[in-house]
Amino acid sequence: MDVASLQGDGKRRRQEDRRAETRRRLVDATIILLHKKGAGGLTMADVAREAGLTRGAIQYHFESPKSLLVASIEEIANRLSRHLDAAELINLPLDERIDRIVDDYWQGFRGFNYTAFIEIAVRGRQDPAFEEAIAMSLDDLEKQRAIVWQAVFADIGRSREEIRSWRHMLLITLRGLALTNMIAGKNEKVSLQIDQFKAMFKRYLTET
């Protein structure tokens, strides 16, 4: 490969890096504003201002405000499940494994990312086409998370259906507690319920 080709490749990589960084800033700004102002108060001018960019940057990188929201909900979903490292978790004793998983999930659900997720989801219910776009974008991520969850508990001698059922129950429980936190504010009862769920989870998974 000649020098000109190498320089061209380097320039393309720098351009791709800049584009990725700009998209990241716009998505981050959108998530922050959804938490602060809600979907109803979100404007593209606000997003551009929060990101330190122009509205033209949004139009260049996203074909519509809805596509920016879809990208944002994909990023939120990634953040909420990024902690699940099957190779690391499988080496922990079962009790510690459960504590780590529930605590990490709860850390994500009680934070501003989940508030932003709810704001986008509620907006999606008012727009069937947008709701379908959100569902399609999250489908592959959901399948990947389910595979990791199965790997984390592959050694406990439970069926795939049982493991899937308990993951579903965990998510329902934490989503409900997260909404309680949003409405009523943080309180000790929520922490107690988290501990009770861990204990129940451990009893079930260690029963013979």
N, C-alpha and C. Protein backbone atom coordinates (compact mmCIF):
# COMPACT_ATOMS: atom_id res chain seq x y z
N MET A 1 0.86 -1.19 0.00
CA MET A 1 0.00 0.00 0.00
C MET A 1 0.89 1.24 0.00
N ASP A 2 0.58 2.21 -0.88
CA ASP A 2 1.42 3.40 -0.98
C ASP A 2 1.06 4.43 0.09
N VAL A 3 1.88 5.48 0.17
CA VAL A 3 1.71 6.51 1.18
C VAL A 3 0.36 7.21 1.04
N ALA A 4 -0.05 7.48 -0.19
CA ALA A 4 -1.32 8.18 -0.41
C ALA A 4 -2.49 7.35 0.10
N SER A 5 -2.41 6.03 -0.10
CA SER A 5 -3.49 5.16 0.38
C SER A 5 -3.54 5.14 1.89
N LEU A 6 -2.35 5.06 2.51
CA LEU A 6 -2.29 5.08 3.98
C LEU A 6 -2.85 6.38 4.54
N GLN A 7 -2.50 7.49 3.90
CA GLN A 7 -3.01 8.78 4.36
C GLN A 7 -4.52 8.85 4.19
N GLY A 8 -5.01 8.27 3.06
CA GLY A 8 -6.45 8.26 2.82
C GLY A 8 -7.18 7.44 3.87
N ASP A 9 -6.62 6.28 4.22
CA ASP A 9 -7.24 5.44 5.25
C ASP A 9 -7.25 6.15 6.60
N GLY A 10 -6.15 6.82 6.91
CA GLY A 10 -6.08 7.54 8.18
C GLY A 10 -7.10 8.67 8.24
N LYS A 11 -7.27 9.36 7.11
CA LYS A 11 -8.24 10.45 7.07
C LYS A 11 -9.66 9.93 7.24
N ARG A 12 -9.97 8.78 6.57
CA ARG A 12 -11.31 8.20 6.70
C ARG A 12 -11.58 7.76 8.13
N ARG A 13 -10.57 7.18 8.78
CA ARG A 13 -10.76 6.76 10.17
C ARG A 13 -11.02 7.95 11.07
N ARG A 14 -10.29 9.03 10.85
CA ARG A 14 -10.50 10.23 11.66
C ARG A 14 -11.90 10.79 11.45
N GLN A 15 -12.36 10.78 10.20
CA GLN A 15 -13.71 11.26 9.91
C GLN A 15 -14.75 10.37 10.58
N GLU A 16 -14.55 9.06 10.51
CA GLU A 16 -15.48 8.13 11.15
C GLU A 16 -15.49 8.33 12.66
N ASP A 17 -14.31 8.55 13.23
CA ASP A 17 -14.23 8.80 14.68
C ASP A 17 -14.97 10.07 15.06
N ARG A 18 -14.81 11.11 14.24
CA ARG A 18 -15.50 12.38 14.52
C ARG A 18 -17.01 12.21 14.41
N ARG A 19 -17.44 11.47 13.39
CA ARG A 19 -18.88 11.24 13.23
C ARG A 19 -19.43 10.46 14.43
N ALA A 20 -18.70 9.43 14.85
CA ALA A 20 -19.15 8.63 15.99
C ALA A 20 -19.21 9.47 17.25
N GLU A 21 -18.22 10.34 17.44
CA GLU A 21 -18.19 11.20 18.62
C GLU A 21 -19.36 12.19 18.60
N THR A 22 -19.66 12.74 17.44
CA THR A 22 -20.78 13.68 17.34
C THR A 22 -22.09 12.99 17.65
N ARG A 23 -22.30 11.79 17.09
CA ARG A 23 -23.52 11.03 17.39
C ARG A 23 -23.62 10.73 18.88
N ARG A 24 -22.49 10.35 19.48
CA ARG A 24 -22.49 10.04 20.91
C ARG A 24 -22.90 11.27 21.72
N ARG A 25 -22.36 12.44 21.38
CA ARG A 25 -22.70 13.66 22.11
C ARG A 25 -24.17 14.00 21.98
N LEU A 26 -24.72 13.79 20.81
CA LEU A 26 -26.14 14.08 20.60
C LEU A 26 -27.03 13.10 21.37
N VAL A 27 -26.67 11.84 21.37
CA VAL A 27 -27.44 10.84 22.13
C VAL A 27 -27.33 11.11 23.62
N ASP A 28 -26.13 11.39 24.10
CA ASP A 28 -25.95 11.69 25.53
C ASP A 28 -26.79 12.90 25.94
N ALA A 29 -26.76 13.93 25.11
CA ALA A 29 -27.52 15.14 25.41
C ALA A 29 -29.02 14.85 25.45
N THR A 30 -29.48 14.01 24.53
CA THR A 30 -30.90 13.65 24.48
C THR A 30 -31.32 12.92 25.75
N ILE A 31 -30.51 11.97 26.19
CA ILE A 31 -30.82 11.20 27.40
C ILE A 31 -30.86 12.10 28.63
N ILE A 32 -29.89 13.00 28.74
CA ILE A 32 -29.86 13.93 29.87
C ILE A 32 -31.10 14.81 29.89
N LEU A 33 -31.50 15.33 28.74
CA LEU A 33 -32.65 16.23 28.67
C LEU A 33 -33.96 15.50 28.89
N LEU A 34 -34.05 14.25 28.44
CA LEU A 34 -35.25 13.46 28.71
C LEU A 34 -35.43 13.27 30.20
N HIS A 35 -34.34 13.08 30.90
CA HIS A 35 -34.41 12.95 32.36
C HIS A 35 -34.80 14.27 33.01
N LYS A 36 -34.24 15.35 32.54
CA LYS A 36 -34.48 16.65 33.16
C LYS A 36 -35.85 17.24 32.81
N LYS A 37 -36.24 17.13 31.53
CA LYS A 37 -37.41 17.86 31.05
C LYS A 37 -38.56 16.98 30.59
N GLY A 38 -38.28 15.69 30.36
CA GLY A 38 -39.32 14.81 29.84
C GLY A 38 -39.43 14.91 28.33
N ALA A 39 -40.08 13.93 27.71
CA ALA A 39 -40.20 13.91 26.25
C ALA A 39 -41.04 15.08 25.74
N GLY A 40 -42.04 15.48 26.52
CA GLY A 40 -42.91 16.57 26.09
C GLY A 40 -42.20 17.90 25.99
N GLY A 41 -41.15 18.08 26.79
CA GLY A 41 -40.43 19.35 26.78
C GLY A 41 -39.15 19.33 25.97
N LEU A 42 -38.91 18.23 25.27
CA LEU A 42 -37.66 18.08 24.52
C LEU A 42 -37.75 18.75 23.16
N THR A 43 -36.78 19.58 22.84
CA THR A 43 -36.69 20.18 21.51
C THR A 43 -35.31 19.91 20.94
N MET A 44 -35.22 19.90 19.62
CA MET A 44 -33.93 19.66 18.98
C MET A 44 -32.96 20.82 19.24
N ALA A 45 -33.49 22.00 19.42
CA ALA A 45 -32.63 23.14 19.75
C ALA A 45 -31.97 22.92 21.10
N ASP A 46 -32.75 22.39 22.05
CA ASP A 46 -32.19 22.10 23.38
C ASP A 46 -31.11 21.02 23.30
N VAL A 47 -31.37 19.98 22.48
CA VAL A 47 -30.39 18.90 22.33
C VAL A 47 -29.08 19.45 21.76
N ALA A 48 -29.19 20.25 20.72
CA ALA A 48 -27.99 20.82 20.10
C ALA A 48 -27.23 21.67 21.11
N ARG A 49 -27.96 22.49 21.88
CA ARG A 49 -27.32 23.35 22.87
C ARG A 49 -26.62 22.52 23.95
N GLU A 50 -27.30 21.48 24.44
CA GLU A 50 -26.72 20.63 25.48
C GLU A 50 -25.47 19.91 24.97
N ALA A 51 -25.49 19.53 23.71
CA ALA A 51 -24.35 18.81 23.14
C ALA A 51 -23.23 19.74 22.69
N GLY A 52 -23.50 21.05 22.67
CA GLY A 52 -22.51 22.00 22.19
C GLY A 52 -22.34 21.95 20.68
N LEU A 53 -23.44 21.64 19.98
CA LEU A 53 -23.42 21.50 18.53
C LEU A 53 -24.53 22.34 17.91
N THR A 54 -24.67 22.27 16.61
CA THR A 54 -25.72 23.00 15.92
C THR A 54 -26.87 22.06 15.58
N ARG A 55 -28.03 22.61 15.29
CA ARG A 55 -29.15 21.78 14.85
C ARG A 55 -28.83 21.09 13.53
N GLY A 56 -27.96 21.70 12.75
CA GLY A 56 -27.54 21.08 11.50
C GLY A 56 -26.83 19.75 11.74
N ALA A 57 -26.12 19.64 12.87
CA ALA A 57 -25.44 18.38 13.20
C ALA A 57 -26.46 17.27 13.43
N ILE A 58 -27.57 17.63 14.06
CA ILE A 58 -28.63 16.64 14.28
C ILE A 58 -29.19 16.18 12.95
N GLN A 59 -29.48 17.14 12.07
CA GLN A 59 -30.06 16.81 10.77
C GLN A 59 -29.10 15.99 9.92
N TYR A 60 -27.80 16.21 10.09
CA TYR A 60 -26.80 15.48 9.31
C TYR A 60 -26.70 14.03 9.78
N HIS A 61 -26.75 13.81 11.08
CA HIS A 61 -26.51 12.47 11.63
C HIS A 61 -27.78 11.65 11.86
N PHE A 62 -28.93 12.31 11.91
CA PHE A 62 -30.19 11.60 12.16
C PHE A 62 -31.24 12.11 11.19
N GLU A 63 -31.92 11.17 10.55
CA GLU A 63 -32.86 11.57 9.50
C GLU A 63 -34.09 12.28 10.06
N SER A 64 -34.36 12.08 11.36
CA SER A 64 -35.51 12.74 11.99
C SER A 64 -35.31 12.74 13.50
N PRO A 65 -36.06 13.59 14.23
CA PRO A 65 -35.98 13.54 15.70
C PRO A 65 -36.31 12.15 16.25
N LYS A 66 -37.21 11.43 15.58
CA LYS A 66 -37.58 10.10 16.07
C LYS A 66 -36.40 9.14 15.95
N SER A 67 -35.61 9.26 14.90
CA SER A 67 -34.45 8.37 14.75
C SER A 67 -33.42 8.67 15.84
N LEU A 68 -33.33 9.91 16.28
CA LEU A 68 -32.45 10.25 17.41
C LEU A 68 -32.96 9.60 18.69
N LEU A 69 -34.27 9.60 18.88
CA LEU A 69 -34.85 8.97 20.07
C LEU A 69 -34.66 7.46 20.04
N VAL A 70 -34.77 6.85 18.86
CA VAL A 70 -34.53 5.41 18.75
C VAL A 70 -33.08 5.09 19.10
N ALA A 71 -32.15 5.89 18.58
CA ALA A 71 -30.73 5.70 18.91
C ALA A 71 -30.49 5.87 20.40
N SER A 72 -31.22 6.79 21.01
CA SER A 72 -31.08 7.03 22.45
C SER A 72 -31.58 5.86 23.27
N ILE A 73 -32.71 5.28 22.88
CA ILE A 73 -33.24 4.16 23.64
C ILE A 73 -32.37 2.92 23.46
N GLU A 74 -31.75 2.77 22.29
CA GLU A 74 -30.80 1.68 22.09
C GLU A 74 -29.60 1.84 23.03
N GLU A 75 -29.10 3.06 23.14
CA GLU A 75 -27.96 3.32 24.03
C GLU A 75 -28.34 3.07 25.49
N ILE A 76 -29.54 3.48 25.88
CA ILE A 76 -29.99 3.24 27.25
C ILE A 76 -30.06 1.75 27.54
N ALA A 77 -30.63 1.00 26.60
CA ALA A 77 -30.74 -0.45 26.77
C ALA A 77 -29.37 -1.09 26.91
N ASN A 78 -28.41 -0.61 26.14
CA ASN A 78 -27.04 -1.11 26.25
C ASN A 78 -26.45 -0.80 27.62
N ARG A 79 -26.69 0.40 28.11
CA ARG A 79 -26.15 0.79 29.41
C ARG A 79 -26.77 -0.05 30.53
N LEU A 80 -28.05 -0.35 30.42
CA LEU A 80 -28.73 -1.10 31.47
C LEU A 80 -28.28 -2.55 31.54
N SER A 81 -27.68 -3.06 30.48
CA SER A 81 -27.29 -4.48 30.48
C SER A 81 -25.80 -4.69 30.29
N ARG A 82 -25.03 -3.62 30.21
CA ARG A 82 -23.60 -3.72 29.92
C ARG A 82 -22.83 -4.47 30.99
N HIS A 83 -23.35 -4.47 32.21
CA HIS A 83 -22.65 -5.10 33.34
C HIS A 83 -22.64 -6.61 33.29
N LEU A 84 -23.51 -7.23 32.50
CA LEU A 84 -23.64 -8.68 32.53
C LEU A 84 -22.49 -9.34 31.76
N ASP A 85 -21.43 -9.66 32.48
CA ASP A 85 -20.28 -10.34 31.91
C ASP A 85 -20.33 -11.79 32.36
N ALA A 86 -20.83 -12.66 31.47
CA ALA A 86 -21.05 -14.06 31.86
C ALA A 86 -19.75 -14.74 32.29
N ALA A 87 -18.65 -14.46 31.59
CA ALA A 87 -17.38 -15.11 31.91
C ALA A 87 -16.92 -14.77 33.33
N GLU A 88 -17.18 -13.54 33.77
CA GLU A 88 -16.80 -13.14 35.14
C GLU A 88 -17.79 -13.67 36.16
N LEU A 89 -19.08 -13.54 35.88
CA LEU A 89 -20.10 -13.91 36.86
C LEU A 89 -20.13 -15.41 37.14
N ILE A 90 -19.89 -16.23 36.14
CA ILE A 90 -19.99 -17.67 36.31
C ILE A 90 -18.98 -18.20 37.30
N ASN A 91 -17.90 -17.45 37.53
CA ASN A 91 -16.87 -17.87 38.48
C ASN A 91 -17.19 -17.52 39.93
N LEU A 92 -18.26 -16.75 40.14
CA LEU A 92 -18.65 -16.37 41.50
C LEU A 92 -19.55 -17.44 42.11
N PRO A 93 -19.50 -17.61 43.44
CA PRO A 93 -20.49 -18.47 44.10
C PRO A 93 -21.89 -17.97 43.78
N LEU A 94 -22.87 -18.86 43.79
CA LEU A 94 -24.21 -18.50 43.34
C LEU A 94 -24.78 -17.32 44.12
N ASP A 95 -24.63 -17.32 45.45
CA ASP A 95 -25.16 -16.21 46.26
C ASP A 95 -24.57 -14.87 45.82
N GLU A 96 -23.25 -14.84 45.63
CA GLU A 96 -22.59 -13.60 45.22
C GLU A 96 -23.02 -13.21 43.80
N ARG A 97 -23.19 -14.21 42.96
CA ARG A 97 -23.62 -13.97 41.59
C ARG A 97 -24.98 -13.27 41.57
N ILE A 98 -25.89 -13.77 42.37
CA ILE A 98 -27.23 -13.18 42.43
C ILE A 98 -27.18 -11.77 42.98
N ASP A 99 -26.42 -11.58 44.07
CA ASP A 99 -26.28 -10.23 44.64
C ASP A 99 -25.75 -9.25 43.61
N ARG A 100 -24.71 -9.66 42.90
CA ARG A 100 -24.09 -8.77 41.90
C ARG A 100 -25.07 -8.42 40.79
N ILE A 101 -25.77 -9.43 40.28
CA ILE A 101 -26.69 -9.20 39.17
C ILE A 101 -27.82 -8.28 39.57
N VAL A 102 -28.46 -8.58 40.71
CA VAL A 102 -29.59 -7.76 41.14
C VAL A 102 -29.15 -6.34 41.45
N ASP A 103 -28.01 -6.20 42.14
CA ASP A 103 -27.51 -4.86 42.48
C ASP A 103 -27.16 -4.06 41.23
N ASP A 104 -26.52 -4.72 40.27
CA ASP A 104 -26.13 -4.01 39.04
C ASP A 104 -27.36 -3.60 38.23
N TYR A 105 -28.31 -4.52 38.12
CA TYR A 105 -29.55 -4.18 37.43
C TYR A 105 -30.24 -3.00 38.11
N TRP A 106 -30.33 -3.07 39.43
CA TRP A 106 -31.02 -2.02 40.17
C TRP A 106 -30.31 -0.68 40.03
N GLN A 107 -28.98 -0.70 39.99
CA GLN A 107 -28.22 0.53 39.79
C GLN A 107 -28.65 1.21 38.50
N GLY A 108 -28.89 0.40 37.46
CA GLY A 108 -29.32 0.97 36.19
C GLY A 108 -30.76 1.44 36.22
N PHE A 109 -31.64 0.66 36.82
CA PHE A 109 -33.06 0.99 36.81
C PHE A 109 -33.40 2.20 37.68
N ARG A 110 -32.63 2.45 38.71
CA ARG A 110 -32.97 3.58 39.58
C ARG A 110 -32.30 4.88 39.14
N GLY A 111 -31.51 4.83 38.07
CA GLY A 111 -30.80 6.01 37.61
C GLY A 111 -31.54 6.79 36.55
N PHE A 112 -30.89 7.84 36.05
CA PHE A 112 -31.54 8.74 35.09
C PHE A 112 -31.75 8.08 33.74
N ASN A 113 -30.95 7.03 33.43
CA ASN A 113 -31.12 6.36 32.14
C ASN A 113 -32.51 5.75 32.02
N TYR A 114 -32.97 5.12 33.09
CA TYR A 114 -34.28 4.47 33.01
C TYR A 114 -35.40 5.50 32.96
N THR A 115 -35.22 6.63 33.63
CA THR A 115 -36.21 7.71 33.52
C THR A 115 -36.35 8.15 32.07
N ALA A 116 -35.22 8.30 31.39
CA ALA A 116 -35.25 8.67 29.98
C ALA A 116 -35.90 7.58 29.13
N PHE A 117 -35.63 6.32 29.47
CA PHE A 117 -36.24 5.19 28.77
C PHE A 117 -37.76 5.26 28.86
N ILE A 118 -38.27 5.51 30.05
CA ILE A 118 -39.72 5.60 30.26
C ILE A 118 -40.32 6.74 29.45
N GLU A 119 -39.63 7.86 29.42
CA GLU A 119 -40.13 9.02 28.66
C GLU A 119 -40.28 8.67 27.18
N ILE A 120 -39.29 7.98 26.62
CA ILE A 120 -39.38 7.61 25.20
C ILE A 120 -40.48 6.57 24.99
N ALA A 121 -40.57 5.60 25.90
CA ALA A 121 -41.58 4.55 25.75
C ALA A 121 -43.00 5.13 25.79
N VAL A 122 -43.22 6.08 26.70
CA VAL A 122 -44.54 6.71 26.79
C VAL A 122 -44.86 7.48 25.51
N ARG A 123 -43.88 8.17 24.99
CA ARG A 123 -44.09 8.88 23.73
C ARG A 123 -44.40 7.90 22.61
N GLY A 124 -43.75 6.72 22.64
CA GLY A 124 -43.97 5.72 21.62
C GLY A 124 -45.40 5.21 21.60
N ARG A 125 -46.05 5.14 22.74
CA ARG A 125 -47.43 4.66 22.82
C ARG A 125 -48.39 5.58 22.08
N GLN A 126 -48.00 6.81 21.89
CA GLN A 126 -48.86 7.78 21.20
C GLN A 126 -48.62 7.78 19.69
N ASP A 127 -47.68 6.97 19.24
CA ASP A 127 -47.32 6.95 17.83
C ASP A 127 -47.00 5.51 17.44
N PRO A 128 -47.96 4.77 16.87
CA PRO A 128 -47.75 3.35 16.57
C PRO A 128 -46.52 3.07 15.71
N ALA A 129 -46.25 3.90 14.72
CA ALA A 129 -45.09 3.68 13.85
C ALA A 129 -43.79 3.83 14.64
N PHE A 130 -43.77 4.83 15.51
CA PHE A 130 -42.60 5.06 16.35
C PHE A 130 -42.44 3.93 17.36
N GLU A 131 -43.55 3.46 17.92
CA GLU A 131 -43.51 2.35 18.87
C GLU A 131 -42.95 1.10 18.20
N GLU A 132 -43.34 0.86 16.96
CA GLU A 132 -42.84 -0.30 16.23
C GLU A 132 -41.34 -0.17 15.96
N ALA A 133 -40.89 1.03 15.64
CA ALA A 133 -39.46 1.26 15.40
C ALA A 133 -38.64 0.99 16.66
N ILE A 134 -39.18 1.41 17.81
CA ILE A 134 -38.50 1.16 19.09
C ILE A 134 -38.43 -0.35 19.35
N ALA A 135 -39.55 -1.03 19.18
CA ALA A 135 -39.60 -2.47 19.43
C ALA A 135 -38.62 -3.23 18.54
N MET A 136 -38.54 -2.85 17.28
CA MET A 136 -37.63 -3.52 16.35
C MET A 136 -36.18 -3.27 16.73
N SER A 137 -35.88 -2.06 17.16
CA SER A 137 -34.49 -1.73 17.51
C SER A 137 -34.04 -2.47 18.76
N LEU A 138 -34.97 -2.78 19.65
CA LEU A 138 -34.62 -3.44 20.91
C LEU A 138 -34.68 -4.96 20.81
N ASP A 139 -35.25 -5.48 19.74
CA ASP A 139 -35.45 -6.92 19.64
C ASP A 139 -34.13 -7.70 19.68
N ASP A 140 -33.15 -7.29 18.88
CA ASP A 140 -31.87 -7.99 18.86
C ASP A 140 -31.15 -7.86 20.19
N LEU A 141 -31.22 -6.67 20.80
CA LEU A 141 -30.58 -6.48 22.10
C LEU A 141 -31.19 -7.40 23.14
N GLU A 142 -32.50 -7.55 23.10
CA GLU A 142 -33.19 -8.42 24.05
C GLU A 142 -32.75 -9.87 23.88
N LYS A 143 -32.61 -10.32 22.65
CA LYS A 143 -32.16 -11.69 22.38
C LYS A 143 -30.75 -11.91 22.90
N GLN A 144 -29.88 -10.92 22.71
CA GLN A 144 -28.50 -11.03 23.18
C GLN A 144 -28.46 -11.10 24.71
N ARG A 145 -29.27 -10.28 25.38
CA ARG A 145 -29.29 -10.29 26.85
C ARG A 145 -29.80 -11.62 27.38
N ALA A 146 -30.81 -12.19 26.70
CA ALA A 146 -31.35 -13.47 27.14
C ALA A 146 -30.31 -14.58 27.02
N ILE A 147 -29.49 -14.54 25.98
CA ILE A 147 -28.43 -15.53 25.80
C ILE A 147 -27.40 -15.42 26.92
N VAL A 148 -27.02 -14.19 27.27
CA VAL A 148 -26.05 -13.98 28.35
C VAL A 148 -26.62 -14.48 29.67
N TRP A 149 -27.88 -14.18 29.93
CA TRP A 149 -28.53 -14.62 31.17
C TRP A 149 -28.50 -16.14 31.29
N GLN A 150 -28.77 -16.84 30.18
CA GLN A 150 -28.72 -18.30 30.19
C GLN A 150 -27.31 -18.78 30.51
N ALA A 151 -26.31 -18.12 29.96
CA ALA A 151 -24.92 -18.52 30.21
C ALA A 151 -24.54 -18.31 31.66
N VAL A 152 -25.02 -17.23 32.27
CA VAL A 152 -24.68 -16.93 33.67
C VAL A 152 -25.18 -18.02 34.61
N PHE A 153 -26.33 -18.62 34.28
CA PHE A 153 -26.92 -19.64 35.17
C PHE A 153 -26.92 -21.04 34.55
N ALA A 154 -26.02 -21.25 33.60
CA ALA A 154 -26.00 -22.54 32.91
C ALA A 154 -25.59 -23.69 33.82
N ASP A 155 -24.95 -23.39 34.96
CA ASP A 155 -24.40 -24.44 35.83
C ASP A 155 -25.32 -24.84 36.98
N ILE A 156 -26.53 -24.30 37.05
CA ILE A 156 -27.35 -24.54 38.25
C ILE A 156 -28.35 -25.68 38.08
N GLY A 157 -28.39 -26.28 36.91
CA GLY A 157 -29.26 -27.42 36.71
C GLY A 157 -30.72 -27.10 36.53
N ARG A 158 -31.02 -25.87 36.12
CA ARG A 158 -32.41 -25.48 35.86
C ARG A 158 -32.65 -25.41 34.36
N SER A 159 -33.90 -25.60 33.97
CA SER A 159 -34.22 -25.56 32.54
C SER A 159 -34.11 -24.13 32.01
N ARG A 160 -33.96 -24.03 30.71
CA ARG A 160 -33.88 -22.72 30.07
C ARG A 160 -35.15 -21.92 30.32
N GLU A 161 -36.29 -22.61 30.34
CA GLU A 161 -37.56 -21.93 30.56
C GLU A 161 -37.63 -21.35 31.98
N GLU A 162 -37.14 -22.11 32.97
CA GLU A 162 -37.14 -21.61 34.35
C GLU A 162 -36.24 -20.39 34.48
N ILE A 163 -35.06 -20.46 33.89
CA ILE A 163 -34.13 -19.34 33.95
C ILE A 163 -34.72 -18.12 33.27
N ARG A 164 -35.36 -18.35 32.12
CA ARG A 164 -36.02 -17.25 31.40
C ARG A 164 -37.13 -16.63 32.25
N SER A 165 -37.89 -17.48 32.92
CA SER A 165 -38.99 -17.01 33.76
C SER A 165 -38.49 -16.13 34.90
N TRP A 166 -37.37 -16.53 35.52
CA TRP A 166 -36.86 -15.73 36.63
C TRP A 166 -36.24 -14.42 36.18
N ARG A 167 -35.66 -14.43 35.01
CA ARG A 167 -35.17 -13.15 34.47
C ARG A 167 -36.34 -12.20 34.24
N HIS A 168 -37.43 -12.74 33.69
CA HIS A 168 -38.61 -11.94 33.43
C HIS A 168 -39.17 -11.37 34.74
N MET A 169 -39.20 -12.20 35.77
CA MET A 169 -39.72 -11.75 37.06
C MET A 169 -38.82 -10.66 37.66
N LEU A 170 -37.51 -10.83 37.53
CA LEU A 170 -36.58 -9.83 38.04
C LEU A 170 -36.82 -8.48 37.37
N LEU A 171 -36.95 -8.49 36.05
CA LEU A 171 -37.13 -7.23 35.33
C LEU A 171 -38.45 -6.57 35.69
N ILE A 172 -39.52 -7.35 35.82
CA ILE A 172 -40.81 -6.79 36.20
C ILE A 172 -40.72 -6.16 37.59
N THR A 173 -40.07 -6.87 38.52
CA THR A 173 -39.94 -6.37 39.89
C THR A 173 -39.16 -5.06 39.93
N LEU A 174 -38.02 -5.03 39.25
CA LEU A 174 -37.18 -3.83 39.30
C LEU A 174 -37.82 -2.65 38.57
N ARG A 175 -38.54 -2.93 37.50
CA ARG A 175 -39.24 -1.83 36.81
C ARG A 175 -40.30 -1.23 37.71
N GLY A 176 -41.03 -2.10 38.42
CA GLY A 176 -42.04 -1.59 39.35
C GLY A 176 -41.43 -0.77 40.47
N LEU A 177 -40.31 -1.25 41.02
CA LEU A 177 -39.65 -0.50 42.10
C LEU A 177 -39.06 0.81 41.58
N ALA A 178 -38.58 0.79 40.35
CA ALA A 178 -38.05 2.02 39.76
C ALA A 178 -39.14 3.07 39.62
N LEU A 179 -40.32 2.65 39.18
CA LEU A 179 -41.43 3.59 39.06
C LEU A 179 -41.85 4.10 40.43
N THR A 180 -41.82 3.22 41.44
CA THR A 180 -42.13 3.66 42.80
C THR A 180 -41.15 4.74 43.24
N ASN A 181 -39.87 4.53 42.93
CA ASN A 181 -38.86 5.53 43.28
C ASN A 181 -39.11 6.86 42.58
N MET A 182 -39.52 6.79 41.32
CA MET A 182 -39.77 8.02 40.56
C MET A 182 -40.93 8.81 41.16
N ILE A 183 -41.96 8.09 41.59
CA ILE A 183 -43.18 8.74 42.08
C ILE A 183 -43.06 9.17 43.53
N ALA A 184 -42.57 8.25 44.36
CA ALA A 184 -42.56 8.50 45.80
C ALA A 184 -41.21 8.95 46.34
N GLY A 185 -40.18 8.88 45.53
CA GLY A 185 -38.85 9.23 46.00
C GLY A 185 -38.18 8.04 46.66
N LYS A 186 -36.88 8.16 46.88
CA LYS A 186 -36.13 7.06 47.46
C LYS A 186 -36.56 6.82 48.91
N ASN A 187 -36.70 5.55 49.26
CA ASN A 187 -37.04 5.22 50.65
C ASN A 187 -36.48 3.86 51.00
N GLU A 188 -36.44 3.56 52.30
CA GLU A 188 -35.84 2.33 52.79
C GLU A 188 -36.66 1.11 52.40
N LYS A 189 -37.97 1.28 52.20
CA LYS A 189 -38.81 0.14 51.85
C LYS A 189 -38.36 -0.50 50.54
N VAL A 190 -37.92 0.32 49.58
CA VAL A 190 -37.47 -0.21 48.31
C VAL A 190 -36.23 -1.09 48.51
N SER A 191 -35.28 -0.62 49.32
CA SER A 191 -34.07 -1.41 49.60
C SER A 191 -34.43 -2.72 50.26
N LEU A 192 -35.41 -2.68 51.17
CA LEU A 192 -35.86 -3.90 51.84
C LEU A 192 -36.47 -4.87 50.84
N GLN A 193 -37.25 -4.36 49.90
CA GLN A 193 -37.85 -5.22 48.89
C GLN A 193 -36.80 -5.84 47.97
N ILE A 194 -35.75 -5.09 47.67
CA ILE A 194 -34.66 -5.63 46.87
C ILE A 194 -34.01 -6.80 47.60
N ASP A 195 -33.75 -6.63 48.90
CA ASP A 195 -33.14 -7.70 49.69
C ASP A 195 -34.06 -8.93 49.77
N GLN A 196 -35.35 -8.69 49.89
CA GLN A 196 -36.29 -9.80 49.95
C GLN A 196 -36.33 -10.56 48.63
N PHE A 197 -36.24 -9.83 47.54
CA PHE A 197 -36.25 -10.49 46.23
C PHE A 197 -34.98 -11.34 46.06
N LYS A 198 -33.83 -10.80 46.49
CA LYS A 198 -32.59 -11.58 46.42
C LYS A 198 -32.73 -12.89 47.19
N ALA A 199 -33.25 -12.79 48.41
CA ALA A 199 -33.41 -13.98 49.25
C ALA A 199 -34.33 -15.00 48.58
N MET A 200 -35.42 -14.54 48.00
CA MET A 200 -36.34 -15.43 47.32
C MET A 200 -35.68 -16.08 46.11
N PHE A 201 -34.94 -15.29 45.36
CA PHE A 201 -34.23 -15.78 44.19
C PHE A 201 -33.23 -16.88 44.58
N LYS A 202 -32.49 -16.63 45.66
CA LYS A 202 -31.48 -17.59 46.11
C LYS A 202 -32.15 -18.88 46.58
N ARG A 203 -33.25 -18.76 47.30
CA ARG A 203 -33.93 -19.98 47.78
C ARG A 203 -34.39 -20.84 46.61
N TYR A 204 -34.94 -20.18 45.63
CA TYR A 204 -35.45 -20.93 44.49
C TYR A 204 -34.32 -21.64 43.73
N LEU A 205 -33.24 -20.91 43.47
CA LEU A 205 -32.18 -21.45 42.63
C LEU A 205 -31.33 -22.50 43.37
N THR A 206 -31.44 -22.56 44.69
CA THR A 206 -30.64 -23.55 45.43
C THR A 206 -31.49 -24.75 45.88
N GLU A 207 -32.79 -24.69 45.61
CA GLU A 207 -33.65 -25.81 45.96
C GLU A 207 -33.33 -27.02 45.07
N THR A 208 -33.43 -28.20 45.60
CA THR A 208 -33.17 -29.42 44.82
C THR A 208 -34.48 -30.12 44.51
